[in-house]
Amino acid sequence: MTDSIQGFSGSWAFLSNFYPSPLEWKNFLFPSVENAFQAAKSDDSQAWDRLTSLTPDDAAAFGRSLILRPDWESVKLSVMAELLELKFEIPALRRRLIASRPLTLINDAWWGDRFWGVTKDTGENHLGRLLMELRDKL
C-alpha cells in the first residue's frame, strides 16, 4: 500500500512512542511518550519516579510488572491522546507529523500488539488512528 506509512521506523521513527521526545506531564519529566504512558498505568508515585529515568524499552518492560489502576481500560485511549498532544507540541515533530498528510499511519506491531497496531494485516491500529486524528487537528 503506497498511500500509507507501515511501521514507525527509519525516517518515520519520530511517530513511535519510543522516540526521544521529552515531555512534562503531571509534574514529571519523561524522556518519551512510552515512559509517560507506562507511568499512567499506575497510581504508584515511586514507579513514576523510576520511569522518568528508564529507556523507553526498559519502561515498556517495567510497565508490564505494574499493578494497573482500576480505570485503566476505560482511560488508556484518552491518556495516549493527551500524551501525543504533548509530544507534538515540539515544533519540529509537529511539522513532520503534519507533513505526513495524507498518508495513512499504520503502527506495524511486529511484536503482536493488535490493539495499538497491526500484526499480519490484523489489528485496531489505535496509535496510528490517534496520530492521524491529532494531525487533522493540527
N, C-alpha and C. Protein backbone atom coordinates (compact mmCIF):
# COMPACT_ATOMS: atom_id res chain seq x y z
N MET A 1 0.86 -1.18 0.00
CA MET A 1 0.00 0.00 0.00
C MET A 1 0.90 1.24 0.00
N THR A 2 0.90 1.98 -1.09
CA THR A 2 1.81 3.11 -1.21
C THR A 2 1.29 4.38 -0.56
N ASP A 3 0.01 4.43 -0.23
CA ASP A 3 -0.54 5.63 0.37
C ASP A 3 -0.56 5.55 1.89
N SER A 4 0.34 4.73 2.42
CA SER A 4 0.40 4.59 3.87
C SER A 4 1.85 4.48 4.35
N ILE A 5 2.01 4.75 5.61
CA ILE A 5 3.28 4.52 6.31
C ILE A 5 3.04 3.29 7.16
N GLN A 6 3.75 2.23 6.86
CA GLN A 6 3.55 0.97 7.58
C GLN A 6 4.77 0.70 8.44
N GLY A 7 4.72 1.17 9.65
CA GLY A 7 5.83 0.97 10.58
C GLY A 7 6.51 2.28 10.88
N PHE A 8 6.73 2.50 12.15
CA PHE A 8 7.29 3.76 12.60
C PHE A 8 8.79 3.60 12.87
N SER A 9 9.54 3.42 11.76
CA SER A 9 10.99 3.27 11.84
C SER A 9 11.61 4.07 10.71
N GLY A 10 12.93 4.10 10.68
CA GLY A 10 13.62 4.86 9.65
C GLY A 10 13.24 6.33 9.73
N SER A 11 12.89 6.92 8.59
CA SER A 11 12.54 8.34 8.58
C SER A 11 11.21 8.61 9.29
N TRP A 12 10.46 7.56 9.60
CA TRP A 12 9.19 7.71 10.31
C TRP A 12 9.30 7.33 11.79
N ALA A 13 10.50 7.12 12.28
CA ALA A 13 10.70 6.71 13.68
C ALA A 13 10.12 7.73 14.66
N PHE A 14 10.05 8.99 14.26
CA PHE A 14 9.52 10.02 15.16
C PHE A 14 8.07 9.77 15.55
N LEU A 15 7.36 8.93 14.80
CA LEU A 15 5.97 8.59 15.12
C LEU A 15 5.86 7.58 16.26
N SER A 16 6.94 6.89 16.53
CA SER A 16 6.95 5.87 17.58
C SER A 16 6.89 6.49 18.96
N ASN A 17 6.22 5.82 19.88
CA ASN A 17 6.19 6.28 21.27
C ASN A 17 7.56 6.14 21.94
N PHE A 18 8.45 5.39 21.33
CA PHE A 18 9.79 5.18 21.88
C PHE A 18 10.76 6.27 21.45
N TYR A 19 10.34 7.12 20.53
CA TYR A 19 11.20 8.18 20.01
C TYR A 19 11.50 9.20 21.12
N PRO A 20 12.78 9.61 21.26
CA PRO A 20 13.12 10.60 22.29
C PRO A 20 12.35 11.90 22.07
N SER A 21 11.49 12.20 23.00
CA SER A 21 10.67 13.41 22.91
C SER A 21 10.26 13.80 24.33
N PRO A 22 11.18 14.45 25.04
CA PRO A 22 10.91 14.80 26.45
C PRO A 22 9.59 15.56 26.59
N LEU A 23 8.82 15.13 27.57
CA LEU A 23 7.56 15.81 27.83
C LEU A 23 7.29 15.86 29.31
N GLU A 24 6.74 17.00 29.72
CA GLU A 24 6.38 17.16 31.12
C GLU A 24 4.90 16.85 31.25
N TRP A 25 4.60 15.96 32.19
CA TRP A 25 3.22 15.55 32.40
C TRP A 25 3.01 15.27 33.88
N LYS A 26 2.03 15.90 34.45
CA LYS A 26 1.69 15.72 35.86
C LYS A 26 2.90 15.96 36.77
N ASN A 27 3.68 16.98 36.44
CA ASN A 27 4.86 17.39 37.22
C ASN A 27 6.01 16.40 37.18
N PHE A 28 6.04 15.54 36.17
CA PHE A 28 7.16 14.63 35.95
C PHE A 28 7.69 14.88 34.55
N LEU A 29 9.00 14.78 34.38
CA LEU A 29 9.61 14.93 33.07
C LEU A 29 9.99 13.54 32.55
N PHE A 30 9.32 13.11 31.50
CA PHE A 30 9.55 11.80 30.91
C PHE A 30 10.35 11.94 29.63
N PRO A 31 11.24 10.97 29.34
CA PRO A 31 12.04 11.06 28.12
C PRO A 31 11.30 10.69 26.84
N SER A 32 10.12 10.07 26.98
CA SER A 32 9.36 9.67 25.79
C SER A 32 7.90 9.45 26.18
N VAL A 33 7.06 9.36 25.16
CA VAL A 33 5.65 9.03 25.40
C VAL A 33 5.55 7.66 26.06
N GLU A 34 6.37 6.72 25.63
CA GLU A 34 6.31 5.37 26.21
C GLU A 34 6.50 5.40 27.72
N ASN A 35 7.46 6.16 28.19
CA ASN A 35 7.70 6.25 29.63
C ASN A 35 6.49 6.83 30.36
N ALA A 36 5.94 7.91 29.82
CA ALA A 36 4.79 8.54 30.46
C ALA A 36 3.57 7.62 30.43
N PHE A 37 3.37 6.93 29.31
CA PHE A 37 2.23 6.03 29.19
C PHE A 37 2.32 4.89 30.20
N GLN A 38 3.52 4.36 30.37
CA GLN A 38 3.68 3.28 31.35
C GLN A 38 3.40 3.79 32.76
N ALA A 39 3.84 5.00 33.05
CA ALA A 39 3.57 5.59 34.37
C ALA A 39 2.07 5.75 34.58
N ALA A 40 1.37 6.17 33.54
CA ALA A 40 -0.06 6.43 33.65
C ALA A 40 -0.86 5.19 34.03
N LYS A 41 -0.30 4.03 33.80
CA LYS A 41 -0.99 2.78 34.14
C LYS A 41 -1.15 2.60 35.64
N SER A 42 -0.32 3.29 36.42
CA SER A 42 -0.21 3.01 37.84
C SER A 42 -0.47 4.25 38.69
N ASP A 43 -0.90 4.00 39.92
CA ASP A 43 -1.06 5.08 40.90
C ASP A 43 0.15 5.17 41.82
N ASP A 44 1.20 4.41 41.53
CA ASP A 44 2.38 4.31 42.38
C ASP A 44 3.40 5.41 42.02
N SER A 45 3.55 6.40 42.89
CA SER A 45 4.44 7.53 42.59
C SER A 45 5.91 7.09 42.50
N GLN A 46 6.28 6.04 43.21
CA GLN A 46 7.66 5.53 43.10
C GLN A 46 7.90 4.96 41.70
N ALA A 47 6.89 4.31 41.14
CA ALA A 47 7.01 3.81 39.77
C ALA A 47 7.16 4.97 38.80
N TRP A 48 6.40 6.03 39.02
CA TRP A 48 6.51 7.21 38.16
C TRP A 48 7.93 7.77 38.21
N ASP A 49 8.49 7.89 39.42
CA ASP A 49 9.87 8.38 39.57
C ASP A 49 10.83 7.52 38.77
N ARG A 50 10.69 6.23 38.90
CA ARG A 50 11.59 5.31 38.19
C ARG A 50 11.45 5.47 36.68
N LEU A 51 10.24 5.64 36.21
CA LEU A 51 10.00 5.72 34.77
C LEU A 51 10.54 7.00 34.15
N THR A 52 10.90 7.98 34.95
CA THR A 52 11.50 9.20 34.39
C THR A 52 12.95 8.97 33.96
N SER A 53 13.56 7.89 34.43
CA SER A 53 14.98 7.69 34.14
C SER A 53 15.27 6.42 33.33
N LEU A 54 14.26 5.66 32.97
CA LEU A 54 14.48 4.44 32.18
C LEU A 54 14.49 4.77 30.69
N THR A 55 15.11 3.88 29.91
CA THR A 55 14.97 3.98 28.46
C THR A 55 13.54 3.58 28.10
N PRO A 56 13.06 3.96 26.94
CA PRO A 56 11.70 3.54 26.56
C PRO A 56 11.54 2.01 26.55
N ASP A 57 12.54 1.29 26.08
CA ASP A 57 12.47 -0.18 26.09
C ASP A 57 12.33 -0.72 27.51
N ASP A 58 13.16 -0.18 28.41
CA ASP A 58 13.09 -0.62 29.81
C ASP A 58 11.77 -0.18 30.45
N ALA A 59 11.26 0.98 30.06
CA ALA A 59 9.97 1.44 30.58
C ALA A 59 8.85 0.49 30.17
N ALA A 60 8.88 0.05 28.92
CA ALA A 60 7.85 -0.88 28.44
C ALA A 60 7.90 -2.19 29.23
N ALA A 61 9.10 -2.69 29.46
CA ALA A 61 9.25 -3.92 30.24
C ALA A 61 8.79 -3.72 31.68
N PHE A 62 9.19 -2.61 32.28
CA PHE A 62 8.80 -2.30 33.66
C PHE A 62 7.27 -2.15 33.76
N GLY A 63 6.68 -1.54 32.76
CA GLY A 63 5.23 -1.33 32.76
C GLY A 63 4.43 -2.62 32.82
N ARG A 64 5.01 -3.70 32.29
CA ARG A 64 4.31 -4.99 32.33
C ARG A 64 4.22 -5.55 33.75
N SER A 65 5.03 -5.02 34.67
CA SER A 65 5.01 -5.52 36.05
C SER A 65 4.13 -4.67 36.98
N LEU A 66 3.61 -3.58 36.47
CA LEU A 66 2.84 -2.67 37.31
C LEU A 66 1.43 -3.19 37.60
N ILE A 67 0.94 -2.86 38.77
CA ILE A 67 -0.47 -3.11 39.08
C ILE A 67 -1.26 -1.97 38.43
N LEU A 68 -2.17 -2.35 37.54
CA LEU A 68 -2.92 -1.35 36.78
C LEU A 68 -3.92 -0.62 37.66
N ARG A 69 -4.04 0.67 37.44
CA ARG A 69 -5.07 1.43 38.15
C ARG A 69 -6.44 0.89 37.72
N PRO A 70 -7.42 0.97 38.60
CA PRO A 70 -8.71 0.31 38.34
C PRO A 70 -9.42 0.76 37.06
N ASP A 71 -9.25 2.00 36.67
CA ASP A 71 -9.96 2.52 35.50
C ASP A 71 -9.14 2.47 34.20
N TRP A 72 -8.03 1.75 34.22
CA TRP A 72 -7.07 1.81 33.11
C TRP A 72 -7.70 1.53 31.75
N GLU A 73 -8.46 0.47 31.64
CA GLU A 73 -9.04 0.12 30.34
C GLU A 73 -9.95 1.21 29.80
N SER A 74 -10.60 1.94 30.67
CA SER A 74 -11.53 2.98 30.20
C SER A 74 -10.83 4.31 29.90
N VAL A 75 -9.59 4.48 30.36
CA VAL A 75 -8.92 5.77 30.14
C VAL A 75 -7.69 5.70 29.24
N LYS A 76 -7.23 4.52 28.89
CA LYS A 76 -5.94 4.42 28.19
C LYS A 76 -5.93 5.14 26.84
N LEU A 77 -7.03 5.15 26.12
CA LEU A 77 -7.05 5.87 24.85
C LEU A 77 -6.96 7.37 25.05
N SER A 78 -7.68 7.90 26.03
CA SER A 78 -7.62 9.35 26.27
C SER A 78 -6.26 9.75 26.83
N VAL A 79 -5.64 8.88 27.64
CA VAL A 79 -4.29 9.16 28.14
C VAL A 79 -3.32 9.22 26.97
N MET A 80 -3.40 8.25 26.07
CA MET A 80 -2.49 8.24 24.92
C MET A 80 -2.69 9.49 24.07
N ALA A 81 -3.93 9.88 23.85
CA ALA A 81 -4.21 11.08 23.05
C ALA A 81 -3.59 12.31 23.71
N GLU A 82 -3.72 12.42 25.02
CA GLU A 82 -3.15 13.56 25.74
C GLU A 82 -1.63 13.57 25.63
N LEU A 83 -1.00 12.42 25.77
CA LEU A 83 0.46 12.34 25.70
C LEU A 83 0.96 12.66 24.28
N LEU A 84 0.24 12.21 23.28
CA LEU A 84 0.63 12.52 21.91
C LEU A 84 0.52 14.02 21.64
N GLU A 85 -0.50 14.66 22.19
CA GLU A 85 -0.61 16.11 22.04
C GLU A 85 0.60 16.81 22.64
N LEU A 86 1.04 16.35 23.80
CA LEU A 86 2.22 16.95 24.44
C LEU A 86 3.47 16.72 23.59
N LYS A 87 3.63 15.50 23.10
CA LYS A 87 4.80 15.19 22.26
C LYS A 87 4.87 16.11 21.05
N PHE A 88 3.73 16.29 20.39
CA PHE A 88 3.73 17.06 19.16
C PHE A 88 3.59 18.56 19.38
N GLU A 89 3.77 19.00 20.63
CA GLU A 89 3.98 20.42 20.89
C GLU A 89 5.41 20.80 20.50
N ILE A 90 6.29 19.82 20.38
CA ILE A 90 7.66 20.07 19.92
C ILE A 90 7.56 20.46 18.44
N PRO A 91 7.94 21.71 18.11
CA PRO A 91 7.68 22.23 16.76
C PRO A 91 8.20 21.35 15.62
N ALA A 92 9.41 20.83 15.73
CA ALA A 92 9.96 20.01 14.64
C ALA A 92 9.15 18.73 14.45
N LEU A 93 8.70 18.14 15.55
CA LEU A 93 7.89 16.92 15.44
C LEU A 93 6.51 17.24 14.88
N ARG A 94 5.94 18.36 15.31
CA ARG A 94 4.63 18.78 14.80
C ARG A 94 4.69 18.96 13.28
N ARG A 95 5.73 19.65 12.80
CA ARG A 95 5.87 19.87 11.35
C ARG A 95 5.96 18.54 10.59
N ARG A 96 6.71 17.59 11.16
CA ARG A 96 6.87 16.30 10.49
C ARG A 96 5.57 15.51 10.48
N LEU A 97 4.81 15.59 11.57
CA LEU A 97 3.52 14.90 11.61
C LEU A 97 2.58 15.49 10.56
N ILE A 98 2.49 16.81 10.51
CA ILE A 98 1.62 17.46 9.54
C ILE A 98 2.06 17.11 8.12
N ALA A 99 3.36 17.02 7.88
CA ALA A 99 3.88 16.71 6.55
C ALA A 99 3.55 15.28 6.11
N SER A 100 3.13 14.43 7.04
CA SER A 100 2.79 13.05 6.68
C SER A 100 1.41 12.96 6.00
N ARG A 101 0.65 14.05 6.03
CA ARG A 101 -0.66 14.08 5.40
C ARG A 101 -0.48 13.92 3.90
N PRO A 102 -1.24 13.17 3.20
CA PRO A 102 -2.47 12.46 3.55
C PRO A 102 -2.25 10.97 3.82
N LEU A 103 -1.03 10.58 4.10
CA LEU A 103 -0.74 9.15 4.25
C LEU A 103 -1.46 8.55 5.46
N THR A 104 -1.88 7.31 5.32
CA THR A 104 -2.47 6.56 6.42
C THR A 104 -1.33 6.05 7.29
N LEU A 105 -1.42 6.28 8.59
CA LEU A 105 -0.37 5.87 9.52
C LEU A 105 -0.73 4.53 10.16
N ILE A 106 0.08 3.54 9.89
CA ILE A 106 -0.17 2.19 10.39
C ILE A 106 0.98 1.78 11.29
N ASN A 107 0.66 1.54 12.55
CA ASN A 107 1.65 1.08 13.52
C ASN A 107 1.86 -0.42 13.29
N ASP A 108 2.91 -0.76 12.56
CA ASP A 108 3.24 -2.16 12.27
C ASP A 108 3.77 -2.80 13.55
N ALA A 109 2.89 -3.49 14.24
CA ALA A 109 3.22 -4.07 15.55
C ALA A 109 3.72 -5.50 15.37
N TRP A 110 4.93 -5.64 14.87
CA TRP A 110 5.53 -6.96 14.62
C TRP A 110 5.57 -7.82 15.89
N TRP A 111 5.50 -7.18 17.08
CA TRP A 111 5.56 -7.90 18.34
C TRP A 111 4.19 -8.46 18.75
N GLY A 112 3.15 -8.17 17.97
CA GLY A 112 1.86 -8.80 18.19
C GLY A 112 0.79 -7.95 18.86
N ASP A 113 1.01 -6.65 19.01
CA ASP A 113 0.02 -5.79 19.66
C ASP A 113 -1.05 -5.38 18.66
N ARG A 114 -2.19 -6.03 18.75
CA ARG A 114 -3.27 -5.76 17.80
C ARG A 114 -4.24 -4.69 18.30
N PHE A 115 -3.98 -4.12 19.47
CA PHE A 115 -4.79 -3.01 19.93
C PHE A 115 -4.19 -1.69 19.43
N TRP A 116 -2.92 -1.47 19.72
CA TRP A 116 -2.26 -0.22 19.32
C TRP A 116 -1.76 -0.27 17.88
N GLY A 117 -1.65 -1.47 17.33
CA GLY A 117 -1.08 -1.59 16.00
C GLY A 117 -1.77 -2.64 15.15
N VAL A 118 -1.03 -3.09 14.13
CA VAL A 118 -1.50 -4.10 13.20
C VAL A 118 -0.41 -5.16 13.08
N THR A 119 -0.81 -6.41 13.19
CA THR A 119 0.10 -7.54 13.03
C THR A 119 -0.48 -8.47 11.98
N LYS A 120 0.31 -8.75 10.95
CA LYS A 120 -0.15 -9.63 9.86
C LYS A 120 -1.52 -9.19 9.34
N ASP A 121 -1.64 -7.92 9.05
CA ASP A 121 -2.86 -7.31 8.48
C ASP A 121 -4.07 -7.36 9.41
N THR A 122 -3.86 -7.62 10.69
CA THR A 122 -4.97 -7.65 11.65
C THR A 122 -4.64 -6.75 12.83
N GLY A 123 -5.58 -5.89 13.17
CA GLY A 123 -5.39 -5.06 14.35
C GLY A 123 -6.21 -3.78 14.28
N GLU A 124 -6.34 -3.15 15.43
CA GLU A 124 -7.16 -1.95 15.55
C GLU A 124 -6.40 -0.67 15.25
N ASN A 125 -5.08 -0.69 15.31
CA ASN A 125 -4.23 0.45 14.94
C ASN A 125 -4.60 1.74 15.69
N HIS A 126 -4.88 1.62 16.98
CA HIS A 126 -5.29 2.81 17.74
C HIS A 126 -4.20 3.89 17.77
N LEU A 127 -2.92 3.49 17.83
CA LEU A 127 -1.88 4.52 17.82
C LEU A 127 -1.89 5.27 16.49
N GLY A 128 -1.93 4.56 15.40
CA GLY A 128 -1.99 5.22 14.09
C GLY A 128 -3.21 6.12 13.96
N ARG A 129 -4.34 5.64 14.45
CA ARG A 129 -5.58 6.42 14.36
C ARG A 129 -5.49 7.70 15.20
N LEU A 130 -4.94 7.58 16.42
CA LEU A 130 -4.79 8.77 17.26
C LEU A 130 -3.84 9.78 16.63
N LEU A 131 -2.76 9.29 16.02
CA LEU A 131 -1.82 10.19 15.35
C LEU A 131 -2.50 10.91 14.19
N MET A 132 -3.30 10.20 13.43
CA MET A 132 -3.99 10.84 12.29
C MET A 132 -5.04 11.84 12.78
N GLU A 133 -5.73 11.53 13.88
CA GLU A 133 -6.70 12.47 14.44
C GLU A 133 -5.99 13.75 14.90
N LEU A 134 -4.84 13.57 15.56
CA LEU A 134 -4.08 14.73 16.01
C LEU A 134 -3.58 15.54 14.82
N ARG A 135 -3.08 14.85 13.82
CA ARG A 135 -2.59 15.53 12.62
C ARG A 135 -3.70 16.36 11.99
N ASP A 136 -4.91 15.83 11.95
CA ASP A 136 -6.04 16.58 11.39
C ASP A 136 -6.36 17.82 12.23
N LYS A 137 -6.22 17.71 13.55
CA LYS A 137 -6.47 18.86 14.44
C LYS A 137 -5.42 19.94 14.26
N LEU A 138 -4.18 19.52 14.02
CA LEU A 138 -3.08 20.48 13.88
C LEU A 138 -3.16 21.21 12.56
